[in-house]
N, C-alpha and C. Protein backbone atom coordinates (compact mmCIF):
# COMPACT_ATOMS: atom_id res chain seq x y z
N UNK A 1 157.95 62.05 146.16
CA UNK A 1 157.30 61.08 145.28
C UNK A 1 156.27 61.80 144.43
N UNK A 2 156.33 61.62 143.15
CA UNK A 2 155.40 62.29 142.24
C UNK A 2 154.94 61.34 141.15
N UNK A 3 153.79 61.62 140.61
CA UNK A 3 153.27 60.91 139.45
C UNK A 3 152.55 61.94 138.59
N UNK A 4 152.57 61.76 137.30
CA UNK A 4 151.88 62.67 136.39
C UNK A 4 150.51 62.09 136.08
N UNK A 5 149.48 62.94 136.22
CA UNK A 5 148.09 62.50 135.99
C UNK A 5 147.43 63.49 135.04
N UNK A 6 146.77 63.00 134.02
CA UNK A 6 146.06 63.85 133.06
C UNK A 6 144.59 63.48 133.09
N UNK A 7 143.74 64.31 133.74
CA UNK A 7 142.31 63.99 133.76
C UNK A 7 141.73 64.06 132.35
N UNK A 8 140.82 63.16 132.03
CA UNK A 8 140.23 63.10 130.69
C UNK A 8 138.81 63.68 130.66
N UNK A 9 138.22 63.92 131.83
CA UNK A 9 136.87 64.46 131.91
C UNK A 9 136.87 65.58 132.95
N UNK A 10 136.25 66.71 132.61
CA UNK A 10 136.14 67.80 133.57
C UNK A 10 135.23 67.38 134.72
N UNK A 11 135.55 67.85 135.92
CA UNK A 11 134.71 67.53 137.07
C UNK A 11 135.51 67.51 138.35
N UNK A 12 134.86 67.07 139.44
CA UNK A 12 135.49 67.01 140.76
C UNK A 12 136.15 65.65 140.96
N UNK A 13 137.32 65.65 141.57
CA UNK A 13 138.07 64.42 141.83
C UNK A 13 138.55 64.41 143.27
N UNK A 14 138.61 63.21 143.86
CA UNK A 14 139.19 63.01 145.19
C UNK A 14 140.52 62.29 145.00
N UNK A 15 141.61 62.87 145.52
CA UNK A 15 142.94 62.30 145.35
C UNK A 15 143.45 61.76 146.68
N UNK A 16 144.06 60.57 146.61
CA UNK A 16 144.72 59.97 147.78
C UNK A 16 146.04 59.36 147.33
N UNK A 17 146.89 59.10 148.28
CA UNK A 17 148.17 58.41 148.02
C UNK A 17 148.32 57.31 149.06
N UNK A 18 148.83 56.16 148.62
CA UNK A 18 149.10 55.04 149.54
C UNK A 18 150.60 54.78 149.52
N UNK A 19 151.21 54.84 150.68
CA UNK A 19 152.65 54.57 150.81
C UNK A 19 152.83 53.15 151.34
N UNK A 20 153.76 52.42 150.72
CA UNK A 20 154.05 51.04 151.14
C UNK A 20 155.54 50.95 151.45
N UNK A 21 155.89 50.39 152.64
CA UNK A 21 157.31 50.25 152.96
C UNK A 21 157.84 48.91 152.47
N UNK A 22 159.14 48.67 152.70
CA UNK A 22 159.78 47.47 152.19
C UNK A 22 159.31 46.18 152.86
N UNK A 23 158.58 46.27 153.95
CA UNK A 23 158.06 45.08 154.62
C UNK A 23 156.57 44.88 154.34
N UNK A 24 155.97 45.76 153.47
CA UNK A 24 154.58 45.60 153.08
C UNK A 24 153.57 46.40 153.89
N UNK A 25 154.01 47.17 154.89
CA UNK A 25 153.07 47.99 155.65
C UNK A 25 152.63 49.17 154.79
N UNK A 26 151.36 49.53 154.90
CA UNK A 26 150.83 50.64 154.08
C UNK A 26 150.09 51.65 154.95
N UNK A 27 150.00 52.85 154.40
CA UNK A 27 149.16 53.89 155.00
C UNK A 27 148.61 54.75 153.87
N UNK A 28 147.38 55.25 154.07
CA UNK A 28 146.71 56.06 153.04
C UNK A 28 146.64 57.51 153.52
N UNK A 29 146.93 58.42 152.61
CA UNK A 29 146.91 59.85 152.93
C UNK A 29 145.47 60.32 153.15
N UNK A 30 145.36 61.50 153.70
CA UNK A 30 144.05 62.15 153.76
C UNK A 30 143.61 62.47 152.33
N UNK A 31 142.32 62.49 152.09
CA UNK A 31 141.78 62.78 150.76
C UNK A 31 141.77 64.29 150.53
N UNK A 32 142.19 64.68 149.33
CA UNK A 32 142.05 66.08 148.93
C UNK A 32 141.14 66.13 147.71
N UNK A 33 140.42 67.24 147.56
CA UNK A 33 139.52 67.41 146.42
C UNK A 33 140.10 68.40 145.45
N UNK A 34 140.01 68.10 144.15
CA UNK A 34 140.44 69.01 143.10
C UNK A 34 139.36 69.04 142.03
N UNK A 35 139.35 70.10 141.25
CA UNK A 35 138.41 70.22 140.14
C UNK A 35 139.18 70.34 138.85
N UNK A 36 138.86 69.48 137.89
CA UNK A 36 139.47 69.54 136.57
C UNK A 36 138.54 70.34 135.65
N UNK A 37 139.10 71.34 135.00
CA UNK A 37 138.31 72.13 134.06
C UNK A 37 138.66 71.72 132.65
N UNK A 38 137.80 72.13 131.72
CA UNK A 38 137.90 71.61 130.37
C UNK A 38 138.64 72.43 129.36
N UNK A 39 139.63 73.19 129.70
CA UNK A 39 140.38 73.90 128.67
C UNK A 39 140.61 75.34 129.00
N UNK A 40 140.56 76.17 128.00
CA UNK A 40 140.86 77.58 128.16
C UNK A 40 139.68 78.34 128.76
N UNK A 41 140.02 79.39 129.47
CA UNK A 41 138.99 80.20 130.12
C UNK A 41 138.17 80.97 129.09
N UNK A 42 136.90 81.20 129.37
CA UNK A 42 136.08 82.04 128.50
C UNK A 42 136.45 83.50 128.68
N UNK A 43 135.83 84.37 127.92
CA UNK A 43 136.04 85.81 128.10
C UNK A 43 134.69 86.47 128.33
N UNK A 44 134.70 87.57 129.08
CA UNK A 44 133.46 88.30 129.38
C UNK A 44 133.79 89.77 129.57
N UNK A 45 132.90 90.65 129.10
CA UNK A 45 133.09 92.08 129.30
C UNK A 45 131.74 92.76 129.45
N UNK A 46 131.71 93.79 130.27
CA UNK A 46 130.50 94.61 130.49
C UNK A 46 130.34 95.53 129.29
N UNK A 47 129.14 95.57 128.70
CA UNK A 47 128.88 96.46 127.56
C UNK A 47 127.97 97.63 127.94
N UNK A 48 127.22 97.51 129.03
CA UNK A 48 126.38 98.62 129.50
C UNK A 48 126.15 98.45 130.99
N UNK A 49 126.21 99.51 131.76
CA UNK A 49 126.42 100.90 131.35
C UNK A 49 127.88 101.12 130.95
N UNK A 50 128.15 102.26 130.38
CA UNK A 50 129.52 102.59 129.99
C UNK A 50 130.32 102.97 131.24
N UNK A 51 131.63 102.84 131.13
CA UNK A 51 132.51 103.19 132.24
C UNK A 51 132.30 104.66 132.61
N UNK A 52 132.19 104.93 133.90
CA UNK A 52 132.00 106.29 134.38
C UNK A 52 130.57 106.78 134.32
N UNK A 53 129.63 105.89 134.05
CA UNK A 53 128.23 106.29 133.92
C UNK A 53 127.69 106.88 135.22
N UNK A 54 126.78 107.86 135.06
CA UNK A 54 126.06 108.42 136.20
C UNK A 54 124.70 107.74 136.24
N UNK A 55 124.37 107.16 137.38
CA UNK A 55 123.13 106.39 137.54
C UNK A 55 122.32 107.02 138.67
N UNK A 56 121.02 107.17 138.42
CA UNK A 56 120.15 107.78 139.43
C UNK A 56 119.81 106.76 140.51
N UNK A 57 119.95 107.18 141.75
CA UNK A 57 119.58 106.33 142.89
C UNK A 57 118.10 105.98 142.80
N UNK A 58 117.78 104.70 142.94
CA UNK A 58 116.40 104.25 142.94
C UNK A 58 115.83 103.95 141.57
N UNK A 59 116.61 104.16 140.50
CA UNK A 59 116.10 103.87 139.16
C UNK A 59 116.64 102.52 138.68
N UNK A 60 115.79 101.79 137.96
CA UNK A 60 116.19 100.47 137.44
C UNK A 60 117.12 100.66 136.25
N UNK A 61 118.24 99.93 136.26
CA UNK A 61 119.23 99.99 135.20
C UNK A 61 119.54 98.59 134.70
N UNK A 62 119.72 98.44 133.40
CA UNK A 62 120.06 97.14 132.84
C UNK A 62 121.57 97.05 132.68
N UNK A 63 122.16 96.03 133.30
CA UNK A 63 123.58 95.74 133.15
C UNK A 63 123.67 94.66 132.07
N UNK A 64 124.53 94.85 131.07
CA UNK A 64 124.65 93.93 129.95
C UNK A 64 126.10 93.52 129.77
N UNK A 65 126.29 92.25 129.38
CA UNK A 65 127.65 91.75 129.13
C UNK A 65 127.66 90.85 127.90
N UNK A 66 128.82 90.75 127.28
CA UNK A 66 129.05 89.76 126.23
C UNK A 66 130.01 88.72 126.80
N UNK A 67 129.84 87.47 126.39
CA UNK A 67 130.71 86.40 126.86
C UNK A 67 130.93 85.41 125.72
N UNK A 68 132.16 84.90 125.64
CA UNK A 68 132.53 83.95 124.60
C UNK A 68 133.27 82.79 125.24
N UNK A 69 132.87 81.57 124.88
CA UNK A 69 133.52 80.37 125.40
C UNK A 69 134.56 79.87 124.41
N UNK A 70 135.70 79.40 124.92
CA UNK A 70 136.71 78.75 124.10
C UNK A 70 136.44 77.25 124.08
N UNK A 71 136.03 76.72 125.23
CA UNK A 71 135.69 75.31 125.37
C UNK A 71 134.21 75.22 125.72
N UNK A 72 133.44 74.44 124.97
CA UNK A 72 132.01 74.31 125.24
C UNK A 72 131.27 75.58 124.89
N UNK A 73 130.25 75.88 125.69
CA UNK A 73 129.45 77.10 125.50
C UNK A 73 129.32 77.80 126.84
N UNK A 74 128.83 79.04 126.80
CA UNK A 74 128.63 79.79 128.04
C UNK A 74 127.44 79.19 128.80
N UNK A 75 127.66 78.85 130.05
CA UNK A 75 126.59 78.30 130.89
C UNK A 75 125.85 79.42 131.61
N UNK A 76 126.58 80.44 132.10
CA UNK A 76 125.93 81.52 132.83
C UNK A 76 126.85 82.73 132.94
N UNK A 77 126.22 83.88 133.17
CA UNK A 77 126.93 85.11 133.49
C UNK A 77 126.28 85.69 134.73
N UNK A 78 127.09 85.93 135.76
CA UNK A 78 126.59 86.50 137.02
C UNK A 78 127.15 87.91 137.15
N UNK A 79 126.30 88.85 137.57
CA UNK A 79 126.67 90.26 137.66
C UNK A 79 126.84 90.66 139.12
N UNK A 80 127.79 91.59 139.36
CA UNK A 80 128.09 92.06 140.71
C UNK A 80 128.26 93.58 140.72
N UNK A 81 127.83 94.22 141.82
CA UNK A 81 128.10 95.63 142.09
C UNK A 81 128.75 95.68 143.46
N UNK A 82 130.00 96.13 143.50
CA UNK A 82 130.79 96.13 144.73
C UNK A 82 130.79 94.76 145.41
N UNK A 83 130.83 93.71 144.61
CA UNK A 83 130.90 92.34 145.14
C UNK A 83 129.57 91.71 145.47
N UNK A 84 128.50 92.47 145.49
CA UNK A 84 127.16 91.92 145.79
C UNK A 84 126.51 91.45 144.49
N UNK A 85 126.00 90.24 144.51
CA UNK A 85 125.39 89.67 143.30
C UNK A 85 124.13 90.43 142.91
N UNK A 86 124.02 90.73 141.61
CA UNK A 86 122.84 91.39 141.06
C UNK A 86 121.93 90.40 140.34
N UNK A 87 122.42 89.19 140.11
CA UNK A 87 121.64 88.18 139.41
C UNK A 87 122.47 87.45 138.38
N UNK A 88 121.91 86.36 137.88
CA UNK A 88 122.57 85.50 136.91
C UNK A 88 121.67 85.31 135.70
N UNK A 89 122.28 85.31 134.52
CA UNK A 89 121.54 85.08 133.29
C UNK A 89 122.21 83.93 132.53
N UNK A 90 121.40 83.06 131.94
CA UNK A 90 121.93 81.90 131.22
C UNK A 90 121.69 81.99 129.72
N UNK A 91 121.10 83.07 129.25
CA UNK A 91 120.82 83.21 127.83
C UNK A 91 121.34 84.55 127.30
N UNK A 92 121.79 84.51 126.06
CA UNK A 92 122.27 85.73 125.40
C UNK A 92 121.09 86.56 124.94
N UNK A 93 121.07 87.87 125.02
CA UNK A 93 122.13 88.69 125.61
C UNK A 93 122.09 88.60 127.14
N UNK A 94 123.23 88.60 127.77
CA UNK A 94 123.33 88.41 129.21
C UNK A 94 123.07 89.74 129.92
N UNK A 95 122.02 89.77 130.75
CA UNK A 95 121.63 91.01 131.42
C UNK A 95 121.19 90.75 132.86
N UNK A 96 121.21 91.81 133.63
CA UNK A 96 120.64 91.82 134.98
C UNK A 96 120.11 93.22 135.23
N UNK A 97 119.06 93.33 136.02
CA UNK A 97 118.51 94.64 136.37
C UNK A 97 119.04 95.03 137.74
N UNK A 98 119.54 96.24 137.83
CA UNK A 98 120.10 96.76 139.08
C UNK A 98 119.41 98.06 139.44
N UNK A 99 118.84 98.11 140.64
CA UNK A 99 118.23 99.33 141.15
C UNK A 99 118.99 99.73 142.42
N UNK A 100 120.00 100.60 142.27
CA UNK A 100 120.80 100.97 143.45
C UNK A 100 119.96 101.75 144.46
N UNK A 101 120.25 101.53 145.73
CA UNK A 101 119.51 102.20 146.80
C UNK A 101 120.38 103.12 147.65
N UNK A 102 121.67 103.19 147.32
CA UNK A 102 122.57 104.05 148.08
C UNK A 102 123.49 104.80 147.12
N UNK A 103 123.74 106.06 147.43
CA UNK A 103 124.66 106.86 146.62
C UNK A 103 126.07 106.36 146.80
N UNK A 104 126.92 106.62 145.81
CA UNK A 104 128.32 106.25 145.92
C UNK A 104 128.88 105.79 144.59
N UNK A 105 130.14 105.36 144.63
CA UNK A 105 130.82 104.83 143.46
C UNK A 105 130.80 103.31 143.53
N UNK A 106 130.42 102.68 142.44
CA UNK A 106 130.28 101.23 142.39
C UNK A 106 131.21 100.63 141.34
N UNK A 107 131.75 99.46 141.66
CA UNK A 107 132.54 98.68 140.73
C UNK A 107 131.65 97.54 140.23
N UNK A 108 131.39 97.51 138.92
CA UNK A 108 130.49 96.52 138.34
C UNK A 108 131.32 95.50 137.56
N UNK A 109 131.10 94.21 137.85
CA UNK A 109 131.81 93.13 137.16
C UNK A 109 130.83 92.04 136.76
N UNK A 110 131.32 91.15 135.90
CA UNK A 110 130.54 89.98 135.48
C UNK A 110 131.45 88.76 135.56
N UNK A 111 130.89 87.66 136.04
CA UNK A 111 131.60 86.38 136.12
C UNK A 111 130.90 85.41 135.18
N UNK A 112 131.66 84.82 134.26
CA UNK A 112 131.07 83.84 133.36
C UNK A 112 131.65 82.46 133.63
N UNK A 113 130.82 81.45 133.42
CA UNK A 113 131.22 80.05 133.57
C UNK A 113 130.79 79.34 132.30
N UNK A 114 131.72 78.55 131.71
CA UNK A 114 131.34 77.80 130.52
C UNK A 114 130.90 76.39 130.92
N UNK A 115 130.43 75.62 129.94
CA UNK A 115 129.90 74.28 130.23
C UNK A 115 130.99 73.30 130.65
N UNK A 116 132.26 73.66 130.49
CA UNK A 116 133.36 72.81 130.95
C UNK A 116 133.80 73.18 132.36
N UNK A 117 133.17 74.20 132.95
CA UNK A 117 133.51 74.61 134.31
C UNK A 117 134.55 75.71 134.38
N UNK A 118 135.04 76.18 133.25
CA UNK A 118 136.01 77.27 133.24
C UNK A 118 135.32 78.58 133.59
N UNK A 119 136.05 79.46 134.30
CA UNK A 119 135.47 80.73 134.74
C UNK A 119 136.34 81.90 134.31
N UNK A 120 135.73 83.06 134.17
CA UNK A 120 136.45 84.30 133.91
C UNK A 120 135.65 85.45 134.48
N UNK A 121 136.36 86.47 134.95
CA UNK A 121 135.73 87.67 135.48
C UNK A 121 136.10 88.85 134.60
N UNK A 122 135.12 89.68 134.30
CA UNK A 122 135.35 90.85 133.45
C UNK A 122 136.20 91.89 134.17
N UNK A 123 136.74 92.80 133.39
CA UNK A 123 137.35 93.99 133.97
C UNK A 123 136.22 94.80 134.62
N UNK A 124 136.53 95.45 135.70
CA UNK A 124 135.51 96.24 136.40
C UNK A 124 135.28 97.56 135.68
N UNK A 125 134.02 98.00 135.68
CA UNK A 125 133.73 99.36 135.25
C UNK A 125 133.20 100.11 136.46
N UNK A 126 133.42 101.40 136.47
CA UNK A 126 133.00 102.23 137.59
C UNK A 126 131.75 103.00 137.20
N UNK A 127 130.80 103.07 138.12
CA UNK A 127 129.58 103.86 137.92
C UNK A 127 129.30 104.64 139.19
N UNK A 128 128.81 105.86 139.03
CA UNK A 128 128.50 106.70 140.18
C UNK A 128 126.99 106.80 140.35
N UNK A 129 126.52 106.49 141.55
CA UNK A 129 125.09 106.57 141.86
C UNK A 129 124.87 107.82 142.70
N UNK A 130 123.92 108.64 142.27
CA UNK A 130 123.59 109.87 143.00
C UNK A 130 122.09 110.06 142.97
N UNK A 131 121.60 110.93 143.82
CA UNK A 131 120.17 111.23 143.84
C UNK A 131 119.73 111.74 142.48
N UNK A 132 118.56 111.36 142.06
CA UNK A 132 118.03 111.79 140.77
C UNK A 132 117.82 113.31 140.78
N UNK A 133 118.49 113.99 139.87
CA UNK A 133 118.36 115.45 139.79
C UNK A 133 117.10 115.83 139.04
N UNK A 134 116.55 116.96 139.38
CA UNK A 134 115.34 117.44 138.72
C UNK A 134 115.63 117.82 137.27
N UNK A 135 114.61 117.70 136.45
CA UNK A 135 114.72 118.13 135.06
C UNK A 135 114.54 119.64 134.99
N UNK A 136 114.93 120.22 133.85
CA UNK A 136 114.67 121.64 133.61
C UNK A 136 113.93 121.76 132.29
N UNK A 137 113.00 122.69 132.21
CA UNK A 137 112.25 122.91 130.98
C UNK A 137 111.86 124.37 130.87
N UNK A 138 111.74 124.83 129.64
CA UNK A 138 111.35 126.22 129.39
C UNK A 138 110.57 126.28 128.08
N UNK A 139 109.45 127.00 128.10
CA UNK A 139 108.67 127.20 126.87
C UNK A 139 109.43 128.20 126.01
N UNK A 140 109.63 127.83 124.74
CA UNK A 140 110.35 128.70 123.81
C UNK A 140 109.41 129.41 122.84
N UNK A 141 108.18 128.89 122.69
CA UNK A 141 107.20 129.53 121.80
C UNK A 141 105.82 129.09 122.23
N UNK A 142 104.84 129.96 122.28
CA UNK A 142 104.91 131.38 121.96
C UNK A 142 105.65 132.16 123.05
N UNK A 143 106.06 133.36 122.73
CA UNK A 143 106.78 134.19 123.69
C UNK A 143 105.85 134.63 124.81
N UNK A 144 106.40 134.90 125.96
CA UNK A 144 105.61 135.39 127.10
C UNK A 144 104.91 136.69 126.68
N UNK A 145 103.62 136.80 126.98
CA UNK A 145 102.84 137.99 126.66
C UNK A 145 102.29 138.01 125.25
N UNK A 146 102.54 136.93 124.47
CA UNK A 146 102.06 136.89 123.09
C UNK A 146 100.53 136.85 123.04
N UNK A 147 99.97 137.30 121.95
CA UNK A 147 98.53 137.23 121.72
C UNK A 147 98.28 136.15 120.69
N UNK A 148 97.35 135.23 121.02
CA UNK A 148 96.98 134.16 120.07
C UNK A 148 95.49 134.26 119.82
N UNK A 149 95.08 133.81 118.64
CA UNK A 149 93.68 133.93 118.26
C UNK A 149 92.84 132.77 118.77
N UNK A 150 91.60 133.09 119.18
CA UNK A 150 90.66 132.05 119.58
C UNK A 150 90.32 131.23 118.35
N UNK A 151 90.38 129.90 118.49
CA UNK A 151 90.09 129.00 117.38
C UNK A 151 91.26 128.79 116.44
N UNK A 152 92.39 129.45 116.68
CA UNK A 152 93.58 129.30 115.83
C UNK A 152 94.53 128.30 116.47
N UNK A 153 94.98 127.32 115.69
CA UNK A 153 95.95 126.34 116.19
C UNK A 153 97.26 127.04 116.49
N UNK A 154 97.74 126.87 117.69
CA UNK A 154 98.97 127.52 118.14
C UNK A 154 99.96 126.47 118.58
N UNK A 155 101.17 126.52 118.02
CA UNK A 155 102.23 125.58 118.42
C UNK A 155 102.87 126.06 119.70
N UNK A 156 102.96 125.15 120.67
CA UNK A 156 103.69 125.43 121.91
C UNK A 156 104.94 124.55 121.85
N UNK A 157 106.12 125.15 122.00
CA UNK A 157 107.36 124.38 121.98
C UNK A 157 108.14 124.63 123.26
N UNK A 158 108.96 123.66 123.61
CA UNK A 158 109.76 123.78 124.83
C UNK A 158 111.06 123.02 124.68
N UNK A 159 112.06 123.50 125.38
CA UNK A 159 113.33 122.78 125.53
C UNK A 159 113.34 122.16 126.92
N UNK A 160 113.85 120.94 127.02
CA UNK A 160 113.94 120.26 128.32
C UNK A 160 115.28 119.55 128.42
N UNK A 161 115.81 119.44 129.64
CA UNK A 161 117.11 118.79 129.86
C UNK A 161 117.09 118.04 131.18
N UNK A 162 117.96 117.03 131.26
CA UNK A 162 118.11 116.25 132.49
C UNK A 162 119.61 116.01 132.69
N UNK A 163 120.18 116.51 133.76
CA UNK A 163 121.62 116.42 133.99
C UNK A 163 122.11 115.00 134.22
N UNK A 164 121.26 114.10 134.73
CA UNK A 164 121.73 112.76 135.04
C UNK A 164 120.89 111.67 134.36
N UNK A 165 120.25 112.01 133.27
CA UNK A 165 119.44 111.02 132.56
C UNK A 165 118.98 111.59 131.24
N UNK A 166 117.84 111.13 130.77
CA UNK A 166 117.27 111.63 129.53
C UNK A 166 115.82 112.00 129.76
N UNK A 167 115.31 112.89 128.94
CA UNK A 167 113.92 113.32 129.04
C UNK A 167 113.04 112.26 128.39
N UNK A 168 112.08 111.74 129.12
CA UNK A 168 111.16 110.74 128.59
C UNK A 168 109.99 111.41 127.87
N UNK A 169 109.48 112.51 128.43
CA UNK A 169 108.37 113.21 127.79
C UNK A 169 108.22 114.60 128.38
N UNK A 170 107.54 115.46 127.61
CA UNK A 170 107.18 116.81 128.07
C UNK A 170 105.68 116.95 127.85
N UNK A 171 104.95 117.32 128.91
CA UNK A 171 103.50 117.50 128.81
C UNK A 171 103.21 119.00 128.90
N UNK A 172 102.31 119.47 128.04
CA UNK A 172 101.97 120.89 127.96
C UNK A 172 100.59 121.13 128.56
N UNK A 173 100.41 122.30 129.22
CA UNK A 173 99.16 122.65 129.88
C UNK A 173 98.76 124.08 129.53
N UNK A 174 97.46 124.30 129.43
CA UNK A 174 96.90 125.65 129.29
C UNK A 174 95.88 125.81 130.42
N UNK A 175 96.14 126.74 131.33
CA UNK A 175 95.30 126.92 132.52
C UNK A 175 95.10 125.61 133.29
N UNK A 176 96.18 124.80 133.37
CA UNK A 176 96.14 123.56 134.15
C UNK A 176 95.54 122.37 133.43
N UNK A 177 95.06 122.55 132.20
CA UNK A 177 94.46 121.46 131.43
C UNK A 177 95.48 120.99 130.40
N UNK A 178 95.74 119.68 130.37
CA UNK A 178 96.72 119.13 129.43
C UNK A 178 96.26 119.35 127.99
N UNK A 179 97.20 119.85 127.17
CA UNK A 179 96.90 120.05 125.74
C UNK A 179 97.76 119.15 124.86
N UNK A 180 98.62 118.34 125.46
CA UNK A 180 99.42 117.41 124.67
C UNK A 180 100.69 117.00 125.36
N UNK A 181 101.25 115.89 124.87
CA UNK A 181 102.51 115.34 125.38
C UNK A 181 103.39 115.00 124.20
N UNK A 182 104.70 115.27 124.32
CA UNK A 182 105.65 114.95 123.26
C UNK A 182 106.81 114.18 123.87
N UNK A 183 107.28 113.15 123.15
CA UNK A 183 108.40 112.33 123.63
C UNK A 183 109.67 112.57 122.82
N UNK A 184 109.67 113.59 121.96
CA UNK A 184 110.85 113.88 121.17
C UNK A 184 111.34 115.30 121.47
N UNK A 185 112.56 115.58 121.00
CA UNK A 185 113.12 116.91 121.24
C UNK A 185 113.40 117.58 119.91
N UNK A 186 113.10 118.87 119.73
CA UNK A 186 112.44 119.73 120.72
C UNK A 186 110.97 119.35 120.86
N UNK A 187 110.46 119.50 122.06
CA UNK A 187 109.10 119.08 122.36
C UNK A 187 108.09 120.13 121.92
N UNK A 188 106.95 119.64 121.44
CA UNK A 188 105.91 120.59 121.01
C UNK A 188 104.54 119.95 121.13
N UNK A 189 103.52 120.81 121.14
CA UNK A 189 102.13 120.39 121.12
C UNK A 189 101.34 121.49 120.42
N UNK A 190 100.22 121.12 119.85
CA UNK A 190 99.35 122.12 119.21
C UNK A 190 98.17 122.40 120.11
N UNK A 191 97.93 123.67 120.36
CA UNK A 191 96.83 124.12 121.26
C UNK A 191 95.92 125.05 120.48
N UNK A 192 94.63 124.77 120.56
CA UNK A 192 93.65 125.65 119.93
C UNK A 192 92.75 126.23 121.00
N UNK A 193 93.00 127.49 121.40
CA UNK A 193 92.17 128.06 122.49
C UNK A 193 90.72 128.28 122.02
């Protein structure tokens, strides 16, 4: 026995069936619950970090996604790393902050829900979490053993690198006293002995 039913409003419904025999006796089925959604599924994709990204253990990282609704508007985007929720955002741009505490390879996904109740999950991206590696830096000018004049402005320059991140700043010292900080590359400061 079948009947065709077309829900007109998205939401939760309780369905039952009543059977009647030829002598008028009836019985009602157990109730089942179904959810009617409002149309086509939305789409969602992770935009940051990039696939294969190296992430430092213990550092805060912003996970970002784009989402588009076909029916209604985007209600929320929830982020996951290896299935564990990282948080939910309800406003564009959709983001969550993730500070991993264990090394390893992680699968990052996003789940979006639109205002009609439709859901979609992004393709997973892989990210590798490892201990934060030390930076490297070397003074390139003046040369070791150089002679500089007292009262003469002297440029100190350095190259710096970070294998698993970016250099935020380089601070320069003369006999342990700071003579300047630079946040650009190549890094430099002016020192007047």
